Amino acid sequence: NATPIFSNKKLIGYLYLKIDTSNSEKEKKNIAHLFTIGSLLCILLTTLALILLIHLLTGPRISNILRCLQGVRDGNLHSRVAAIESRDEIGELGRSVNAMIMEIEDRTTERDAAERTLRESEKKYRQLVENARDVIYIAQDGMVKFSNKRASEFLGYEREELYATPFEKFIHPDDRDMVADRHIRRISGEANL
């Protein structure tokens, strides 16, 4: 198609314009590719920025909790998570870790006190039994498992010899049936013998 060209209302010629559109489709595709790549880069950069921001905001607080837990693992029950004013999940985790450590500390203190009391009681009991004027020994499974000093003196055996000797040897033959009967009744739960 030709476009007429006029000058002072007089036709002076025609304009023929030919546009090569073969390259415009390639350019459209290139623009679409560039737009897609640009969009993906924007998404990637935004994601990286968010990850970095989250790391900067949460990393030190989580590291604080981990250092505290490592201290507890190494035996420091006085370790606490510091600066946990925030009301988010990390703050709640820090408060929970502190509560857990205090509970462990309380239980450990109670256990240590109970063990100390038990050791003191055992020491007193051991002294009482060892210094008793009566013969005291414990027999289990037919053998002497424990004896006091007086038992060794009275029976004329060293303790190691007592422990290697069946306890029925120390019972008069006339009393063995009675002792065996009482032993069986005691094991079955009978209290009054």
N, C-alpha and C. Protein backbone atom coordinates (compact mmCIF):
# COMPACT_ATOMS: atom_id res chain seq x y z
N ASN A 1 0.84 -1.18 0.00
CA ASN A 1 0.00 0.00 0.00
C ASN A 1 0.88 1.24 0.00
N ALA A 2 0.39 2.20 -0.77
CA ALA A 2 1.13 3.45 -0.88
C ALA A 2 0.32 4.53 -0.20
N THR A 3 1.06 5.42 0.47
CA THR A 3 0.43 6.53 1.16
C THR A 3 0.67 7.79 0.31
N PRO A 4 -0.44 8.50 -0.11
CA PRO A 4 -0.25 9.71 -0.93
C PRO A 4 0.35 10.84 -0.10
N ILE A 5 1.20 11.66 -0.73
CA ILE A 5 1.82 12.78 -0.06
C ILE A 5 1.37 14.04 -0.82
N PHE A 6 0.80 14.99 -0.07
CA PHE A 6 0.26 16.22 -0.65
C PHE A 6 1.07 17.39 -0.16
N SER A 7 1.12 18.42 -1.00
CA SER A 7 1.71 19.69 -0.61
C SER A 7 0.81 20.76 -1.19
N ASN A 8 0.31 21.62 -0.38
CA ASN A 8 -0.66 22.65 -0.78
C ASN A 8 -1.80 22.03 -1.59
N LYS A 9 -2.30 21.00 -1.13
CA LYS A 9 -3.41 20.25 -1.67
C LYS A 9 -3.11 19.67 -3.03
N LYS A 10 -1.91 19.55 -3.33
CA LYS A 10 -1.51 19.00 -4.61
C LYS A 10 -0.71 17.74 -4.34
N LEU A 11 -1.06 16.66 -5.02
CA LEU A 11 -0.39 15.38 -4.87
C LEU A 11 1.02 15.49 -5.43
N ILE A 12 1.97 15.19 -4.56
CA ILE A 12 3.34 15.31 -5.05
C ILE A 12 4.03 13.96 -5.14
N GLY A 13 3.37 12.92 -4.62
CA GLY A 13 3.97 11.59 -4.73
C GLY A 13 3.33 10.61 -3.75
N TYR A 14 3.91 9.42 -3.77
CA TYR A 14 3.45 8.36 -2.87
C TYR A 14 4.60 7.86 -1.99
N LEU A 15 4.20 7.50 -0.81
CA LEU A 15 5.20 6.98 0.11
C LEU A 15 4.95 5.49 0.29
N TYR A 16 6.00 4.75 0.01
CA TYR A 16 5.94 3.30 0.21
C TYR A 16 6.81 2.97 1.42
N LEU A 17 6.21 2.36 2.38
CA LEU A 17 6.95 2.00 3.60
C LEU A 17 6.87 0.49 3.76
N LYS A 18 8.03 -0.07 3.76
CA LYS A 18 8.09 -1.51 3.95
C LYS A 18 8.82 -1.79 5.27
N ILE A 19 8.16 -2.51 6.16
CA ILE A 19 8.75 -2.83 7.47
C ILE A 19 9.04 -4.32 7.49
N ASP A 20 10.27 -4.62 7.82
CA ASP A 20 10.68 -6.02 7.92
C ASP A 20 10.28 -6.52 9.32
N THR A 21 9.27 -7.39 9.42
CA THR A 21 8.76 -7.89 10.70
C THR A 21 9.39 -9.21 11.11
N SER A 22 10.27 -9.73 10.32
CA SER A 22 10.88 -11.02 10.66
C SER A 22 11.71 -10.92 11.94
N ASN A 23 12.37 -9.79 12.17
CA ASN A 23 13.17 -9.60 13.39
C ASN A 23 12.32 -9.21 14.60
N SER A 24 11.13 -8.66 14.41
CA SER A 24 10.33 -8.21 15.54
C SER A 24 9.85 -9.39 16.40
N GLU A 25 9.59 -10.56 15.80
CA GLU A 25 9.20 -11.74 16.58
C GLU A 25 10.37 -12.20 17.45
N LYS A 26 11.58 -12.15 16.91
CA LYS A 26 12.76 -12.52 17.70
C LYS A 26 12.95 -11.55 18.85
N GLU A 27 12.74 -10.27 18.55
CA GLU A 27 12.90 -9.27 19.60
C GLU A 27 11.85 -9.45 20.69
N LYS A 28 10.62 -9.80 20.31
CA LYS A 28 9.58 -10.06 21.31
C LYS A 28 9.98 -11.23 22.21
N LYS A 29 10.51 -12.28 21.58
CA LYS A 29 10.95 -13.44 22.35
C LYS A 29 12.11 -13.07 23.27
N ASN A 30 13.05 -12.28 22.76
CA ASN A 30 14.18 -11.85 23.59
C ASN A 30 13.71 -11.01 24.78
N ILE A 31 12.77 -10.12 24.52
CA ILE A 31 12.23 -9.29 25.60
C ILE A 31 11.52 -10.17 26.63
N ALA A 32 10.76 -11.16 26.17
CA ALA A 32 10.06 -12.07 27.08
C ALA A 32 11.07 -12.86 27.92
N HIS A 33 12.15 -13.32 27.29
CA HIS A 33 13.20 -14.05 28.02
C HIS A 33 13.87 -13.15 29.05
N LEU A 34 14.19 -11.93 28.63
CA LEU A 34 14.82 -10.99 29.55
C LEU A 34 13.89 -10.67 30.74
N PHE A 35 12.61 -10.53 30.46
CA PHE A 35 11.65 -10.26 31.52
C PHE A 35 11.58 -11.45 32.49
N THR A 36 11.57 -12.66 31.94
CA THR A 36 11.52 -13.87 32.79
C THR A 36 12.78 -13.97 33.64
N ILE A 37 13.94 -13.77 33.04
CA ILE A 37 15.21 -13.83 33.78
C ILE A 37 15.24 -12.74 34.84
N GLY A 38 14.80 -11.53 34.50
CA GLY A 38 14.77 -10.44 35.46
C GLY A 38 13.84 -10.75 36.63
N SER A 39 12.69 -11.35 36.34
CA SER A 39 11.74 -11.71 37.40
C SER A 39 12.34 -12.77 38.32
N LEU A 40 12.98 -13.77 37.74
CA LEU A 40 13.62 -14.81 38.54
C LEU A 40 14.74 -14.24 39.40
N LEU A 41 15.51 -13.33 38.84
CA LEU A 41 16.58 -12.69 39.62
C LEU A 41 16.01 -11.87 40.77
N CYS A 42 14.91 -11.18 40.54
CA CYS A 42 14.26 -10.42 41.61
C CYS A 42 13.78 -11.35 42.72
N ILE A 43 13.16 -12.47 42.34
CA ILE A 43 12.69 -13.44 43.34
C ILE A 43 13.87 -14.00 44.12
N LEU A 44 14.93 -14.35 43.41
CA LEU A 44 16.12 -14.91 44.05
C LEU A 44 16.75 -13.91 45.01
N LEU A 45 16.92 -12.68 44.58
CA LEU A 45 17.52 -11.66 45.44
C LEU A 45 16.64 -11.36 46.65
N THR A 46 15.32 -11.34 46.47
CA THR A 46 14.41 -11.12 47.58
C THR A 46 14.50 -12.26 48.58
N THR A 47 14.56 -13.49 48.07
CA THR A 47 14.69 -14.66 48.96
C THR A 47 15.99 -14.61 49.74
N LEU A 48 17.08 -14.31 49.06
CA LEU A 48 18.38 -14.20 49.74
C LEU A 48 18.37 -13.10 50.79
N ALA A 49 17.74 -11.97 50.45
CA ALA A 49 17.66 -10.87 51.42
C ALA A 49 16.85 -11.30 52.65
N LEU A 50 15.75 -12.02 52.44
CA LEU A 50 14.94 -12.51 53.57
C LEU A 50 15.71 -13.51 54.42
N ILE A 51 16.43 -14.42 53.76
CA ILE A 51 17.23 -15.40 54.51
C ILE A 51 18.28 -14.68 55.35
N LEU A 52 18.96 -13.73 54.76
CA LEU A 52 19.97 -12.96 55.48
C LEU A 52 19.35 -12.20 56.64
N LEU A 53 18.21 -11.60 56.42
CA LEU A 53 17.52 -10.85 57.47
C LEU A 53 17.10 -11.78 58.62
N ILE A 54 16.54 -12.93 58.26
CA ILE A 54 16.14 -13.91 59.29
C ILE A 54 17.36 -14.38 60.06
N HIS A 55 18.45 -14.66 59.34
CA HIS A 55 19.68 -15.10 60.02
C HIS A 55 20.21 -14.01 60.96
N LEU A 56 20.19 -12.78 60.51
CA LEU A 56 20.69 -11.70 61.36
C LEU A 56 19.81 -11.49 62.58
N LEU A 57 18.50 -11.69 62.42
CA LEU A 57 17.58 -11.48 63.54
C LEU A 57 17.53 -12.67 64.49
N THR A 58 17.63 -13.89 63.96
CA THR A 58 17.47 -15.07 64.81
C THR A 58 18.77 -15.76 65.15
N GLY A 59 19.77 -15.65 64.30
CA GLY A 59 21.04 -16.37 64.50
C GLY A 59 21.66 -16.14 65.87
N PRO A 60 21.86 -14.90 66.30
CA PRO A 60 22.48 -14.68 67.61
C PRO A 60 21.64 -15.23 68.76
N ARG A 61 20.33 -15.15 68.65
CA ARG A 61 19.47 -15.65 69.74
C ARG A 61 19.51 -17.18 69.81
N ILE A 62 19.50 -17.84 68.65
CA ILE A 62 19.59 -19.30 68.64
C ILE A 62 20.97 -19.73 69.11
N SER A 63 22.02 -19.00 68.71
CA SER A 63 23.38 -19.32 69.17
C SER A 63 23.47 -19.18 70.69
N ASN A 64 22.79 -18.20 71.25
CA ASN A 64 22.75 -18.01 72.71
C ASN A 64 22.14 -19.24 73.38
N ILE A 65 21.05 -19.75 72.83
CA ILE A 65 20.39 -20.94 73.38
C ILE A 65 21.31 -22.15 73.26
N LEU A 66 21.95 -22.31 72.11
CA LEU A 66 22.85 -23.45 71.90
C LEU A 66 24.04 -23.40 72.86
N ARG A 67 24.62 -22.21 73.07
CA ARG A 67 25.75 -22.09 74.02
C ARG A 67 25.30 -22.49 75.42
N CYS A 68 24.11 -22.10 75.79
CA CYS A 68 23.58 -22.44 77.11
C CYS A 68 23.42 -23.96 77.23
N LEU A 69 22.84 -24.59 76.22
CA LEU A 69 22.65 -26.04 76.25
C LEU A 69 23.98 -26.79 76.25
N GLN A 70 24.98 -26.26 75.54
CA GLN A 70 26.30 -26.88 75.56
C GLN A 70 26.92 -26.78 76.95
N GLY A 71 26.68 -25.66 77.63
CA GLY A 71 27.16 -25.51 79.00
C GLY A 71 26.53 -26.55 79.92
N VAL A 72 25.23 -26.78 79.76
CA VAL A 72 24.54 -27.79 80.57
C VAL A 72 25.10 -29.17 80.25
N ARG A 73 25.32 -29.44 78.97
CA ARG A 73 25.89 -30.73 78.57
C ARG A 73 27.25 -30.95 79.24
N ASP A 74 28.00 -29.87 79.39
CA ASP A 74 29.33 -29.95 80.01
C ASP A 74 29.27 -29.91 81.53
N GLY A 75 28.06 -29.89 82.11
CA GLY A 75 27.91 -29.96 83.55
C GLY A 75 27.66 -28.64 84.25
N ASN A 76 27.54 -27.55 83.52
CA ASN A 76 27.30 -26.25 84.14
C ASN A 76 25.79 -26.02 84.27
N LEU A 77 25.24 -26.37 85.44
CA LEU A 77 23.80 -26.21 85.64
C LEU A 77 23.43 -24.78 86.04
N HIS A 78 24.41 -23.89 86.12
CA HIS A 78 24.12 -22.48 86.39
C HIS A 78 24.01 -21.69 85.10
N SER A 79 24.15 -22.35 83.97
CA SER A 79 24.06 -21.72 82.66
C SER A 79 22.60 -21.33 82.41
N ARG A 80 22.38 -20.13 81.86
CA ARG A 80 21.02 -19.67 81.53
C ARG A 80 21.04 -18.96 80.19
N VAL A 81 19.91 -19.02 79.48
CA VAL A 81 19.75 -18.26 78.24
C VAL A 81 19.50 -16.82 78.64
N ALA A 82 20.33 -15.91 78.10
CA ALA A 82 20.25 -14.49 78.48
C ALA A 82 19.37 -13.73 77.49
N ALA A 83 18.82 -12.62 77.95
CA ALA A 83 18.09 -11.65 77.12
C ALA A 83 17.00 -12.32 76.28
N ILE A 84 15.95 -12.78 76.95
CA ILE A 84 14.86 -13.45 76.24
C ILE A 84 13.54 -12.70 76.45
N GLU A 85 13.57 -11.40 76.22
CA GLU A 85 12.38 -10.57 76.41
C GLU A 85 11.35 -10.77 75.31
N SER A 86 11.78 -11.24 74.15
CA SER A 86 10.86 -11.33 73.01
C SER A 86 9.77 -12.35 73.27
N ARG A 87 8.61 -12.12 72.64
CA ARG A 87 7.45 -12.99 72.83
C ARG A 87 7.24 -13.93 71.64
N ASP A 88 8.25 -14.07 70.80
CA ASP A 88 8.12 -14.97 69.66
C ASP A 88 8.54 -16.39 70.05
N GLU A 89 8.59 -17.27 69.06
CA GLU A 89 8.90 -18.68 69.33
C GLU A 89 10.31 -18.86 69.90
N ILE A 90 11.26 -18.07 69.45
CA ILE A 90 12.63 -18.20 69.96
C ILE A 90 12.70 -17.75 71.41
N GLY A 91 11.98 -16.70 71.75
CA GLY A 91 11.92 -16.26 73.14
C GLY A 91 11.28 -17.32 74.02
N GLU A 92 10.21 -17.93 73.52
CA GLU A 92 9.54 -19.01 74.27
C GLU A 92 10.48 -20.20 74.43
N LEU A 93 11.23 -20.52 73.39
CA LEU A 93 12.21 -21.62 73.48
C LEU A 93 13.25 -21.31 74.55
N GLY A 94 13.74 -20.08 74.57
CA GLY A 94 14.73 -19.69 75.58
C GLY A 94 14.18 -19.80 76.99
N ARG A 95 12.94 -19.34 77.19
CA ARG A 95 12.32 -19.45 78.52
C ARG A 95 12.13 -20.92 78.91
N SER A 96 11.74 -21.75 77.95
CA SER A 96 11.56 -23.19 78.23
C SER A 96 12.88 -23.86 78.58
N VAL A 97 13.93 -23.49 77.87
CA VAL A 97 15.26 -24.05 78.18
C VAL A 97 15.68 -23.65 79.59
N ASN A 98 15.46 -22.40 79.96
CA ASN A 98 15.80 -21.95 81.32
C ASN A 98 15.00 -22.72 82.36
N ALA A 99 13.70 -22.92 82.11
CA ALA A 99 12.87 -23.67 83.06
C ALA A 99 13.35 -25.11 83.19
N MET A 100 13.72 -25.71 82.05
CA MET A 100 14.23 -27.08 82.07
C MET A 100 15.52 -27.18 82.88
N ILE A 101 16.42 -26.22 82.69
CA ILE A 101 17.69 -26.23 83.41
C ILE A 101 17.46 -26.07 84.91
N MET A 102 16.54 -25.19 85.29
CA MET A 102 16.25 -25.00 86.72
C MET A 102 15.66 -26.27 87.32
N GLU A 103 14.82 -26.97 86.56
CA GLU A 103 14.24 -28.23 87.04
C GLU A 103 15.35 -29.28 87.22
N ILE A 104 16.25 -29.37 86.25
CA ILE A 104 17.38 -30.31 86.36
C ILE A 104 18.24 -29.95 87.57
N GLU A 105 18.49 -28.66 87.76
CA GLU A 105 19.31 -28.21 88.88
C GLU A 105 18.64 -28.58 90.22
N ASP A 106 17.32 -28.36 90.31
CA ASP A 106 16.59 -28.71 91.54
C ASP A 106 16.66 -30.21 91.80
N ARG A 107 16.41 -31.00 90.77
CA ARG A 107 16.44 -32.46 90.95
C ARG A 107 17.84 -32.95 91.30
N THR A 108 18.84 -32.34 90.69
CA THR A 108 20.22 -32.74 90.98
C THR A 108 20.57 -32.39 92.42
N THR A 109 20.14 -31.22 92.88
CA THR A 109 20.40 -30.81 94.26
C THR A 109 19.71 -31.77 95.23
N GLU A 110 18.46 -32.11 94.93
CA GLU A 110 17.72 -33.06 95.78
C GLU A 110 18.40 -34.43 95.79
N ARG A 111 18.81 -34.90 94.61
CA ARG A 111 19.47 -36.20 94.52
C ARG A 111 20.78 -36.21 95.29
N ASP A 112 21.56 -35.13 95.14
CA ASP A 112 22.84 -35.05 95.85
C ASP A 112 22.62 -35.06 97.36
N ALA A 113 21.59 -34.33 97.82
CA ALA A 113 21.30 -34.31 99.26
C ALA A 113 20.87 -35.70 99.73
N ALA A 114 20.05 -36.39 98.94
CA ALA A 114 19.60 -37.73 99.31
C ALA A 114 20.78 -38.70 99.34
N GLU A 115 21.67 -38.60 98.37
CA GLU A 115 22.85 -39.47 98.34
C GLU A 115 23.76 -39.19 99.54
N ARG A 116 23.92 -37.94 99.89
CA ARG A 116 24.75 -37.56 101.04
C ARG A 116 24.14 -38.13 102.34
N THR A 117 22.81 -37.99 102.47
CA THR A 117 22.12 -38.53 103.64
C THR A 117 22.25 -40.05 103.69
N LEU A 118 22.13 -40.69 102.55
CA LEU A 118 22.26 -42.15 102.49
C LEU A 118 23.67 -42.59 102.88
N ARG A 119 24.69 -41.90 102.37
CA ARG A 119 26.08 -42.25 102.72
C ARG A 119 26.31 -42.09 104.22
N GLU A 120 25.79 -41.01 104.79
CA GLU A 120 25.94 -40.80 106.24
C GLU A 120 25.23 -41.89 107.03
N SER A 121 24.03 -42.25 106.59
CA SER A 121 23.27 -43.31 107.25
C SER A 121 24.00 -44.66 107.13
N GLU A 122 24.51 -44.95 105.94
CA GLU A 122 25.26 -46.20 105.75
C GLU A 122 26.49 -46.24 106.64
N LYS A 123 27.17 -45.12 106.76
CA LYS A 123 28.37 -45.06 107.61
C LYS A 123 27.99 -45.34 109.06
N LYS A 124 26.91 -44.72 109.54
CA LYS A 124 26.47 -44.95 110.92
C LYS A 124 26.07 -46.41 111.11
N TYR A 125 25.32 -46.95 110.17
CA TYR A 125 24.87 -48.33 110.26
C TYR A 125 26.07 -49.28 110.25
N ARG A 126 27.01 -49.02 109.36
CA ARG A 126 28.21 -49.85 109.27
C ARG A 126 28.97 -49.83 110.60
N GLN A 127 29.12 -48.64 111.18
CA GLN A 127 29.81 -48.53 112.47
C GLN A 127 29.05 -49.27 113.57
N LEU A 128 27.73 -49.13 113.57
CA LEU A 128 26.90 -49.81 114.57
C LEU A 128 27.05 -51.32 114.45
N VAL A 129 26.93 -51.85 113.24
CA VAL A 129 27.03 -53.29 113.01
C VAL A 129 28.45 -53.79 113.31
N GLU A 130 29.42 -53.05 112.87
CA GLU A 130 30.81 -53.49 113.04
C GLU A 130 31.21 -53.51 114.51
N ASN A 131 30.70 -52.60 115.30
CA ASN A 131 31.08 -52.51 116.71
C ASN A 131 30.10 -53.22 117.64
N ALA A 132 29.10 -53.89 117.09
CA ALA A 132 28.12 -54.59 117.93
C ALA A 132 28.79 -55.76 118.65
N ARG A 133 28.29 -56.09 119.85
CA ARG A 133 28.83 -57.23 120.61
C ARG A 133 28.19 -58.54 120.16
N ASP A 134 27.12 -58.44 119.37
CA ASP A 134 26.44 -59.63 118.88
C ASP A 134 27.04 -60.06 117.54
N VAL A 135 26.86 -61.35 117.24
CA VAL A 135 27.28 -61.88 115.95
C VAL A 135 26.21 -61.46 114.93
N ILE A 136 26.65 -60.80 113.87
CA ILE A 136 25.72 -60.39 112.81
C ILE A 136 26.30 -60.85 111.49
N TYR A 137 25.49 -61.59 110.74
CA TYR A 137 25.89 -61.94 109.39
C TYR A 137 24.66 -62.04 108.52
N ILE A 138 24.88 -61.90 107.22
CA ILE A 138 23.80 -61.99 106.24
C ILE A 138 24.11 -63.16 105.33
N ALA A 139 23.13 -64.05 105.20
CA ALA A 139 23.29 -65.21 104.31
C ALA A 139 22.29 -65.08 103.18
N GLN A 140 22.78 -65.31 101.98
CA GLN A 140 21.93 -65.31 100.79
C GLN A 140 22.36 -66.48 99.93
N ASP A 141 21.39 -67.14 99.37
CA ASP A 141 21.66 -68.28 98.48
C ASP A 141 22.57 -69.31 99.14
N GLY A 142 22.38 -69.49 100.46
CA GLY A 142 23.13 -70.51 101.19
C GLY A 142 24.54 -70.13 101.57
N MET A 143 24.95 -68.90 101.26
CA MET A 143 26.33 -68.47 101.55
C MET A 143 26.29 -67.20 102.41
N VAL A 144 27.34 -67.03 103.22
CA VAL A 144 27.48 -65.81 104.01
C VAL A 144 27.93 -64.71 103.05
N LYS A 145 27.17 -63.63 103.01
CA LYS A 145 27.51 -62.51 102.12
C LYS A 145 28.11 -61.34 102.89
N PHE A 146 27.79 -61.26 104.21
CA PHE A 146 28.31 -60.17 105.03
C PHE A 146 28.41 -60.68 106.45
N SER A 147 29.45 -60.21 107.15
CA SER A 147 29.56 -60.53 108.58
C SER A 147 30.27 -59.38 109.28
N ASN A 148 29.98 -59.24 110.59
CA ASN A 148 30.70 -58.22 111.33
C ASN A 148 31.95 -58.84 111.98
N LYS A 149 32.72 -57.98 112.61
CA LYS A 149 33.97 -58.41 113.24
C LYS A 149 33.70 -59.46 114.31
N ARG A 150 32.64 -59.30 115.09
CA ARG A 150 32.31 -60.23 116.18
C ARG A 150 32.02 -61.63 115.64
N ALA A 151 31.39 -61.74 114.45
CA ALA A 151 31.13 -63.05 113.85
C ALA A 151 32.42 -63.78 113.56
N SER A 152 33.40 -63.07 113.03
CA SER A 152 34.71 -63.68 112.76
C SER A 152 35.36 -64.16 114.05
N GLU A 153 35.32 -63.31 115.07
CA GLU A 153 35.93 -63.67 116.35
C GLU A 153 35.22 -64.87 116.97
N PHE A 154 33.91 -64.85 116.99
CA PHE A 154 33.13 -65.88 117.65
C PHE A 154 33.26 -67.24 116.95
N LEU A 155 33.18 -67.21 115.59
CA LEU A 155 33.22 -68.46 114.83
C LEU A 155 34.63 -68.94 114.54
N GLY A 156 35.61 -68.06 114.71
CA GLY A 156 37.00 -68.45 114.50
C GLY A 156 37.41 -68.50 113.03
N TYR A 157 36.75 -67.75 112.18
CA TYR A 157 37.08 -67.70 110.77
C TYR A 157 37.41 -66.26 110.37
N GLU A 158 38.32 -66.12 109.41
CA GLU A 158 38.50 -64.81 108.78
C GLU A 158 37.27 -64.54 107.91
N ARG A 159 37.03 -63.29 107.61
CA ARG A 159 35.83 -62.95 106.83
C ARG A 159 35.83 -63.64 105.47
N GLU A 160 36.96 -63.68 104.80
CA GLU A 160 37.03 -64.31 103.48
C GLU A 160 36.65 -65.78 103.58
N GLU A 161 37.06 -66.43 104.69
CA GLU A 161 36.69 -67.83 104.90
C GLU A 161 35.19 -67.97 105.14
N LEU A 162 34.64 -67.03 105.91
CA LEU A 162 33.20 -67.06 106.15
C LEU A 162 32.42 -66.95 104.84
N TYR A 163 32.87 -66.06 103.99
CA TYR A 163 32.15 -65.80 102.74
C TYR A 163 32.25 -66.99 101.79
N ALA A 164 33.23 -67.84 101.96
CA ALA A 164 33.42 -69.00 101.09
C ALA A 164 32.80 -70.27 101.67
N THR A 165 32.16 -70.15 102.84
CA THR A 165 31.63 -71.33 103.53
C THR A 165 30.11 -71.28 103.55
N PRO A 166 29.43 -72.39 103.20
CA PRO A 166 27.97 -72.41 103.30
C PRO A 166 27.54 -72.12 104.74
N PHE A 167 26.53 -71.26 104.90
CA PHE A 167 26.17 -70.82 106.25
C PHE A 167 25.60 -71.94 107.11
N GLU A 168 25.07 -73.01 106.51
CA GLU A 168 24.53 -74.10 107.32
C GLU A 168 25.60 -74.80 108.14
N LYS A 169 26.86 -74.63 107.76
CA LYS A 169 27.96 -75.23 108.53
C LYS A 169 28.04 -74.60 109.93
N PHE A 170 27.53 -73.36 110.06
CA PHE A 170 27.61 -72.65 111.34
C PHE A 170 26.38 -72.92 112.22
N ILE A 171 25.45 -73.75 111.73
CA ILE A 171 24.24 -74.09 112.49
C ILE A 171 24.42 -75.50 113.06
N HIS A 172 24.12 -75.65 114.31
CA HIS A 172 24.23 -76.97 114.95
C HIS A 172 23.36 -77.97 114.20
N PRO A 173 23.86 -79.18 113.97
CA PRO A 173 23.10 -80.16 113.20
C PRO A 173 21.69 -80.39 113.75
N ASP A 174 21.49 -80.31 115.05
CA ASP A 174 20.16 -80.52 115.63
C ASP A 174 19.20 -79.39 115.27
N ASP A 175 19.72 -78.19 114.92
CA ASP A 175 18.87 -77.01 114.65
C ASP A 175 18.69 -76.73 113.15
N ARG A 176 19.33 -77.46 112.28
CA ARG A 176 19.29 -77.16 110.85
C ARG A 176 17.88 -77.24 110.27
N ASP A 177 17.09 -78.27 110.65
CA ASP A 177 15.74 -78.40 110.11
C ASP A 177 14.87 -77.21 110.55
N MET A 178 14.99 -76.80 111.82
CA MET A 178 14.21 -75.68 112.34
C MET A 178 14.60 -74.38 111.61
N VAL A 179 15.89 -74.15 111.43
CA VAL A 179 16.36 -72.93 110.75
C VAL A 179 15.90 -72.94 109.29
N ALA A 180 15.99 -74.07 108.63
CA ALA A 180 15.54 -74.17 107.23
C ALA A 180 14.04 -73.88 107.14
N ASP A 181 13.25 -74.45 108.09
CA ASP A 181 11.80 -74.22 108.10
C ASP A 181 11.49 -72.74 108.29
N ARG A 182 12.14 -72.12 109.25
CA ARG A 182 11.92 -70.67 109.48
C ARG A 182 12.34 -69.85 108.26
N HIS A 183 13.42 -70.23 107.66
CA HIS A 183 13.91 -69.51 106.47
C HIS A 183 12.86 -69.58 105.36
N ILE A 184 12.30 -70.76 105.11
CA ILE A 184 11.29 -70.91 104.06
C ILE A 184 10.05 -70.11 104.39
N ARG A 185 9.61 -70.14 105.67
CA ARG A 185 8.43 -69.39 106.08
C ARG A 185 8.67 -67.88 105.94
N ARG A 186 9.87 -67.45 106.30
CA ARG A 186 10.20 -66.01 106.21
C ARG A 186 10.19 -65.56 104.75
N ILE A 187 10.75 -66.38 103.88
CA ILE A 187 10.78 -66.04 102.44
C ILE A 187 9.36 -65.98 101.87
N SER A 188 8.48 -66.84 102.37
CA SER A 188 7.10 -66.85 101.87
C SER A 188 6.27 -65.70 102.41
N GLY A 189 6.85 -64.90 103.34
CA GLY A 189 6.16 -63.71 103.82
C GLY A 189 5.62 -63.79 105.22
N GLU A 190 5.81 -64.87 105.88
CA GLU A 190 5.31 -65.02 107.24
C GLU A 190 6.17 -64.16 108.17
N ALA A 191 5.53 -63.31 108.96
CA ALA A 191 6.27 -62.37 109.79
C ALA A 191 6.50 -62.88 111.19
N ASN A 192 5.53 -63.55 111.78
CA ASN A 192 5.65 -64.00 113.18
C ASN A 192 6.23 -65.40 113.21
N LEU A 193 7.49 -65.50 113.61
CA LEU A 193 8.15 -66.80 113.66
C LEU A 193 8.57 -67.10 115.10
